[in-house]
Amino acid sequence: MGQHIQNPQTLAPLIAEIDGALARGDTGLAVRLAGDGLDAGLRHPLLFHLRAVWLIQNGRPEEALADLQQALRLAPHSPELLTEIAGCLNALGRYDVAKRFAADAIAHAPLLAAAWHQKGYAHHVSTELDEAKACFREAVKLDSRAADAHARLAHIAAGQGDYAEAKRHATTALALEPRNAVAIVASAAADIAEQRLDEAQSRLATVLSDPAALPPVRAVAATQSGDICDAQGRTSEAFDAYVQAGATWRSYYEPHVRGAAGESALVLVSRLSSGLEALPPGPWR
């Protein structure tokens, strides 16, 4: 990252201290030092970047975005900053802008797997599946341990009925990240297609009981669980699962609709809900 030193006598020792903390693996100290420096009026891309990372980790992407934009003004064209900005924009549902920032990062650093992943994510949630697949494939080619890229390739493959491909990527994702909910849902779709309904239901139960699973993914899992119950003649349980799925979708998307500016609620709901729409039900449909 480029060095933009506003006050060398004050800033240089602080940056050296932060670098030392990071080298020792003491990220907590590094973040505290960065925050103290910013509070004291110092300006450096590393300070803004560290505080932004902390904000992202604490679920505050809008504030993190503001810090990352400040950092980018001091270090223009930094591919790492451009990638993190794309990630914040994705978290805020601003997918078209996220694509542009991720593409800019890729233009400056074509081998940065994270940039390909962020671009793929924006395309995936926008249901631009060919573009998403191309990006995720590049991400896993550059970083074979990119669990979420494997999971999303599995999700796309399952949605297109390529269950062998879905299982291959899901297996890789789950070996790297056993609780990856997107990979679990894709695996369940493959199980359903192969009539292994009990195994699918068991997988889906892990997603439905996981508080870390994002609401759209839990809604997909609930819908698939309802499909399984329906196929097995358990009508009441199927109805309950569908109600749960509907309530999860509604609780997640209504705040997006209320907060949308300059975009019709109908268009926004359509765009958001299509991105992680329930995977195709089993072959009995």
Protein backbone atom coordinates (compact mmCIF):
# COMPACT_ATOMS: atom_id res chain seq x y z
CA MET A 1 0.00 0.00 0.00
CA GLY A 2 1.28 3.46 -0.86
CA GLN A 3 2.75 5.61 1.88
CA HIS A 4 1.23 9.05 2.30
CA ILE A 5 2.90 10.61 5.34
CA GLN A 6 1.19 13.69 6.67
CA ASN A 7 3.50 14.29 9.63
CA PRO A 8 6.66 12.15 9.47
CA GLN A 9 7.84 12.90 13.01
CA THR A 10 4.54 11.78 14.56
CA LEU A 11 3.31 9.26 12.05
CA ALA A 12 6.42 7.24 11.21
CA PRO A 13 6.95 5.86 14.77
CA LEU A 14 3.25 4.95 14.98
CA ILE A 15 3.35 3.07 11.68
CA ALA A 16 6.47 1.25 12.82
CA GLU A 17 4.74 0.26 16.07
CA ILE A 18 1.67 -0.96 14.16
CA ASP A 19 3.86 -2.94 11.75
CA GLY A 20 5.56 -4.56 14.73
CA ALA A 21 2.22 -5.50 16.30
CA LEU A 22 1.03 -7.02 13.03
CA ALA A 23 4.29 -8.94 12.63
CA ARG A 24 3.73 -10.43 16.11
CA GLY A 25 0.14 -11.31 15.22
CA ASP A 26 -1.28 -8.82 17.73
CA THR A 27 -4.00 -7.40 15.50
CA GLY A 28 -5.96 -6.11 18.49
CA LEU A 29 -3.11 -3.81 19.46
CA ALA A 30 -2.61 -2.76 15.84
CA VAL A 31 -6.27 -1.78 15.54
CA ARG A 32 -6.18 0.15 18.83
CA LEU A 33 -3.06 2.03 17.75
CA ALA A 34 -4.66 2.85 14.40
CA GLY A 35 -7.78 4.17 16.12
CA ASP A 36 -5.73 6.28 18.50
CA GLY A 37 -3.80 7.75 15.58
CA LEU A 38 -6.96 8.66 13.70
CA ASP A 39 -8.48 10.17 16.83
CA ALA A 40 -5.34 12.29 17.16
CA GLY A 41 -5.87 13.64 13.65
CA LEU A 42 -3.25 11.55 11.85
CA ARG A 43 -4.02 10.36 8.33
CA HIS A 44 -2.50 7.30 6.67
CA PRO A 45 -4.07 4.53 4.55
CA LEU A 46 -2.96 1.83 6.98
CA LEU A 47 -4.77 3.53 9.87
CA PHE A 48 -8.03 3.80 7.96
CA HIS A 49 -7.67 0.27 6.59
CA LEU A 50 -7.13 -1.31 10.00
CA ARG A 51 -10.11 0.46 11.53
CA ALA A 52 -12.21 -0.55 8.52
CA VAL A 53 -11.27 -4.21 8.99
CA TRP A 54 -12.39 -4.00 12.62
CA LEU A 55 -15.67 -2.37 11.58
CA ILE A 56 -16.30 -5.08 8.98
CA GLN A 57 -15.65 -7.80 11.54
CA ASN A 58 -18.17 -6.14 13.84
CA GLY A 59 -20.91 -5.92 11.24
CA ARG A 60 -20.60 -2.23 10.41
CA PRO A 61 -19.94 -2.18 6.65
CA GLU A 62 -21.26 1.33 6.05
CA GLU A 63 -18.80 2.88 8.51
CA ALA A 64 -16.04 0.63 7.17
CA LEU A 65 -16.80 1.84 3.65
CA ALA A 66 -16.26 5.45 4.72
CA ASP A 67 -12.84 4.58 6.19
CA LEU A 68 -11.84 2.57 3.12
CA GLN A 69 -12.77 5.46 0.85
CA GLN A 70 -10.56 7.74 2.94
CA ALA A 71 -7.74 5.23 2.65
CA LEU A 72 -8.19 5.00 -1.11
CA ARG A 73 -7.81 8.77 -1.45
CA LEU A 74 -4.40 8.41 0.17
CA ALA A 75 -3.43 5.25 -1.73
CA PRO A 76 -5.18 5.46 -5.11
CA HIS A 77 -5.56 2.25 -7.09
CA SER A 78 -4.63 -0.03 -4.17
CA PRO A 79 -6.13 -3.39 -5.25
CA GLU A 80 -6.54 -4.49 -1.62
CA LEU A 81 -8.54 -1.37 -0.77
CA LEU A 82 -10.60 -1.62 -3.95
CA THR A 83 -11.40 -5.24 -3.08
CA GLU A 84 -12.42 -4.41 0.49
CA ILE A 85 -14.62 -1.57 -0.79
CA ALA A 86 -16.29 -4.04 -3.16
CA GLY A 87 -16.91 -6.33 -0.19
CA CYS A 88 -18.56 -3.55 1.81
CA LEU A 89 -20.70 -2.58 -1.17
CA ASN A 90 -21.78 -6.20 -1.53
CA ALA A 91 -22.69 -6.29 2.15
CA LEU A 92 -24.78 -3.15 1.64
CA GLY A 93 -26.55 -4.58 -1.41
CA ARG A 94 -24.93 -2.17 -3.87
CA TYR A 95 -23.94 -4.88 -6.30
CA ASP A 96 -23.51 -2.86 -9.50
CA VAL A 97 -21.05 -0.50 -7.82
CA ALA A 98 -19.29 -3.46 -6.17
CA LYS A 99 -18.69 -5.00 -9.60
CA ARG A 100 -16.97 -1.82 -10.78
CA PHE A 101 -14.65 -1.62 -7.77
CA ALA A 102 -13.80 -5.33 -7.98
CA ALA A 103 -13.10 -4.99 -11.71
CA ASP A 104 -10.79 -2.05 -10.97
CA ALA A 105 -8.96 -4.16 -8.39
CA ILE A 106 -8.57 -6.97 -10.93
CA ALA A 107 -7.26 -4.52 -13.53
CA HIS A 108 -4.47 -3.56 -11.12
CA ALA A 109 -3.90 -7.05 -9.65
CA PRO A 110 -5.20 -9.84 -11.91
CA LEU A 111 -3.89 -12.51 -9.52
CA LEU A 112 -5.81 -11.26 -6.48
CA ALA A 113 -8.26 -14.08 -5.74
CA ALA A 114 -10.30 -12.01 -3.29
CA ALA A 115 -11.10 -9.45 -5.98
CA TRP A 116 -12.38 -12.17 -8.30
CA HIS A 117 -14.48 -13.53 -5.44
CA GLN A 118 -16.08 -10.16 -4.67
CA LYS A 119 -16.88 -9.61 -8.33
CA GLY A 120 -18.30 -13.12 -8.56
CA TYR A 121 -20.42 -12.56 -5.46
CA ALA A 122 -21.94 -9.38 -6.93
CA HIS A 123 -22.75 -11.19 -10.18
CA HIS A 124 -24.13 -14.20 -8.29
CA VAL A 125 -26.54 -12.21 -6.16
CA SER A 126 -27.57 -10.30 -9.30
CA THR A 127 -28.31 -13.71 -10.93
CA GLU A 128 -25.71 -13.11 -13.65
CA LEU A 129 -24.64 -16.71 -13.40
CA ASP A 130 -22.25 -17.02 -16.35
CA GLU A 131 -20.26 -14.02 -15.11
CA ALA A 132 -20.39 -15.33 -11.54
CA LYS A 133 -19.09 -18.76 -12.54
CA ALA A 134 -16.23 -17.26 -14.52
CA CYS A 135 -15.18 -15.13 -11.55
CA PHE A 136 -15.47 -17.91 -8.98
CA ARG A 137 -13.53 -20.30 -11.21
CA GLU A 138 -10.75 -17.73 -11.46
CA ALA A 139 -10.83 -17.27 -7.68
CA VAL A 140 -10.41 -21.00 -6.96
CA LYS A 141 -7.74 -21.30 -9.65
CA LEU A 142 -5.74 -18.58 -7.90
CA ASP A 143 -6.55 -19.80 -4.38
CA SER A 144 -7.64 -23.42 -4.09
CA ARG A 145 -8.61 -22.75 -0.44
CA ALA A 146 -11.24 -20.14 -1.35
CA ALA A 147 -14.04 -22.02 0.40
CA ASP A 148 -16.87 -19.62 -0.34
CA ALA A 149 -16.02 -19.49 -4.05
CA HIS A 150 -16.22 -23.30 -4.15
CA ALA A 151 -19.51 -23.14 -2.22
CA ARG A 152 -21.03 -20.69 -4.68
CA LEU A 153 -19.88 -22.73 -7.66
CA ALA A 154 -21.66 -25.65 -5.98
CA HIS A 155 -24.79 -23.52 -5.48
CA ILE A 156 -24.85 -22.44 -9.13
CA ALA A 157 -24.24 -25.99 -10.38
CA ALA A 158 -27.05 -27.37 -8.21
CA GLY A 159 -29.41 -24.68 -9.45
CA GLN A 160 -28.58 -25.71 -13.03
CA GLY A 161 -29.08 -29.40 -12.31
CA ASP A 162 -25.40 -30.36 -12.50
CA TYR A 163 -25.37 -32.28 -9.24
CA ALA A 164 -22.04 -34.03 -9.81
CA GLU A 165 -20.35 -30.63 -10.16
CA ALA A 166 -22.32 -29.33 -7.17
CA LYS A 167 -21.11 -32.20 -4.99
CA ARG A 168 -17.52 -31.78 -6.14
CA HIS A 169 -17.33 -28.11 -5.22
CA ALA A 170 -19.44 -28.50 -2.07
CA THR A 171 -17.19 -31.30 -0.81
CA THR A 172 -14.13 -29.09 -1.33
CA ALA A 173 -15.80 -26.12 0.36
CA LEU A 174 -16.91 -28.16 3.38
CA ALA A 175 -13.47 -29.73 3.80
CA LEU A 176 -12.12 -26.18 4.12
CA GLU A 177 -15.05 -24.67 6.01
CA PRO A 178 -17.33 -27.34 7.52
CA ARG A 179 -20.11 -24.91 8.45
CA ASN A 180 -20.34 -23.11 5.11
CA ALA A 181 -24.13 -22.87 4.79
CA VAL A 182 -24.15 -22.24 1.02
CA ALA A 183 -22.18 -25.44 0.44
CA ILE A 184 -24.44 -27.41 2.78
CA VAL A 185 -27.55 -26.24 0.94
CA ALA A 186 -25.97 -27.18 -2.40
CA SER A 187 -25.07 -30.63 -1.02
CA ALA A 188 -28.65 -31.04 0.19
CA ALA A 189 -29.93 -30.21 -3.31
CA ALA A 190 -27.76 -32.99 -4.73
CA ASP A 191 -29.04 -35.39 -2.06
CA ILE A 192 -32.63 -34.50 -2.92
CA ALA A 193 -32.01 -35.08 -6.62
CA GLU A 194 -30.65 -38.53 -5.77
CA GLN A 195 -33.64 -39.27 -3.49
CA ARG A 196 -31.47 -39.34 -0.36
CA LEU A 197 -34.08 -37.31 1.47
CA ASP A 198 -33.15 -38.21 5.05
CA GLU A 199 -29.53 -37.25 4.43
CA ALA A 200 -30.65 -33.98 2.85
CA GLN A 201 -32.93 -33.22 5.78
CA SER A 202 -30.07 -33.85 8.20
CA ARG A 203 -27.84 -31.41 6.30
CA LEU A 204 -30.54 -28.75 6.19
CA ALA A 205 -31.11 -29.06 9.94
CA THR A 206 -27.52 -27.92 10.54
CA VAL A 207 -28.18 -24.74 8.54
CA LEU A 208 -31.53 -24.05 10.20
CA SER A 209 -29.96 -24.35 13.66
CA ASP A 210 -26.87 -22.27 12.83
CA PRO A 211 -27.26 -18.64 13.98
CA ALA A 212 -24.27 -17.67 11.83
CA ALA A 213 -26.03 -18.74 8.62
CA LEU A 214 -27.34 -15.72 6.75
CA PRO A 215 -31.15 -15.37 6.69
CA PRO A 216 -31.47 -15.85 2.89
CA VAL A 217 -29.60 -19.14 3.13
CA ARG A 218 -31.72 -20.26 6.10
CA ALA A 219 -34.82 -19.39 4.05
CA VAL A 220 -33.56 -21.58 1.20
CA ALA A 221 -32.89 -24.40 3.68
CA ALA A 222 -36.39 -24.06 5.16
CA THR A 223 -37.96 -24.16 1.70
CA GLN A 224 -36.02 -27.28 0.76
CA SER A 225 -36.95 -28.86 4.08
CA GLY A 226 -40.60 -28.14 3.28
CA ASP A 227 -40.19 -29.76 -0.13
CA ILE A 228 -38.79 -32.89 1.51
CA CYS A 229 -41.62 -33.05 4.03
CA ASP A 230 -44.16 -32.56 1.23
CA ALA A 231 -42.59 -35.38 -0.80
CA GLN A 232 -42.80 -37.66 2.23
CA GLY A 233 -46.44 -36.82 2.87
CA ARG A 234 -45.74 -34.84 6.04
CA THR A 235 -48.07 -32.01 5.05
CA SER A 236 -48.24 -30.21 8.37
CA GLU A 237 -44.46 -30.13 8.75
CA ALA A 238 -44.12 -28.95 5.16
CA PHE A 239 -46.55 -26.09 5.84
CA ASP A 240 -44.60 -25.06 8.95
CA ALA A 241 -41.32 -25.08 7.00
CA TYR A 242 -42.78 -22.90 4.25
CA VAL A 243 -44.14 -20.45 6.83
CA GLN A 244 -40.71 -20.31 8.44
CA ALA A 245 -39.08 -19.66 5.05
CA GLY A 246 -41.53 -16.86 4.27
CA ALA A 247 -41.01 -15.20 7.64
CA THR A 248 -37.23 -15.37 7.24
CA TRP A 249 -37.35 -13.82 3.76
CA ARG A 250 -39.68 -11.08 4.97
CA SER A 251 -37.69 -10.17 8.08
CA TYR A 252 -34.50 -9.93 6.05
CA TYR A 253 -35.72 -8.06 3.00
CA GLU A 254 -38.21 -5.57 4.47
CA PRO A 255 -35.44 -3.41 6.01
CA HIS A 256 -33.72 -3.31 2.61
CA VAL A 257 -36.93 -2.13 1.00
CA ARG A 258 -37.59 0.52 3.64
CA GLY A 259 -34.02 1.79 3.32
CA ALA A 260 -33.96 1.87 -0.47
CA ALA A 261 -33.62 5.34 -1.98
CA GLY A 262 -34.56 6.04 -5.58
CA GLU A 263 -35.41 2.41 -6.31
CA SER A 264 -38.89 0.93 -6.33
CA ALA A 265 -39.58 -1.57 -3.58
CA LEU A 266 -40.85 -4.09 -6.10
CA VAL A 267 -37.67 -3.97 -8.20
CA LEU A 268 -35.46 -4.19 -5.11
CA VAL A 269 -37.27 -7.18 -3.64
CA SER A 270 -37.16 -8.95 -7.00
CA ARG A 271 -33.42 -8.34 -7.36
CA LEU A 272 -32.54 -9.31 -3.80
CA SER A 273 -34.67 -12.40 -3.49
CA SER A 274 -33.65 -13.80 -6.86
CA GLY A 275 -30.00 -13.86 -5.83
CA LEU A 276 -30.35 -16.61 -3.23
CA GLU A 277 -33.64 -18.03 -4.36
CA ALA A 278 -34.47 -21.55 -3.29
CA LEU A 279 -32.67 -24.17 -5.32
CA PRO A 280 -34.85 -26.35 -7.56
CA PRO A 281 -36.89 -28.91 -5.64
CA GLY A 282 -36.44 -32.59 -6.12
CA PRO A 283 -37.45 -34.52 -9.24
CA TRP A 284 -40.91 -35.37 -7.85
CA ARG A 285 -42.13 -31.88 -8.80
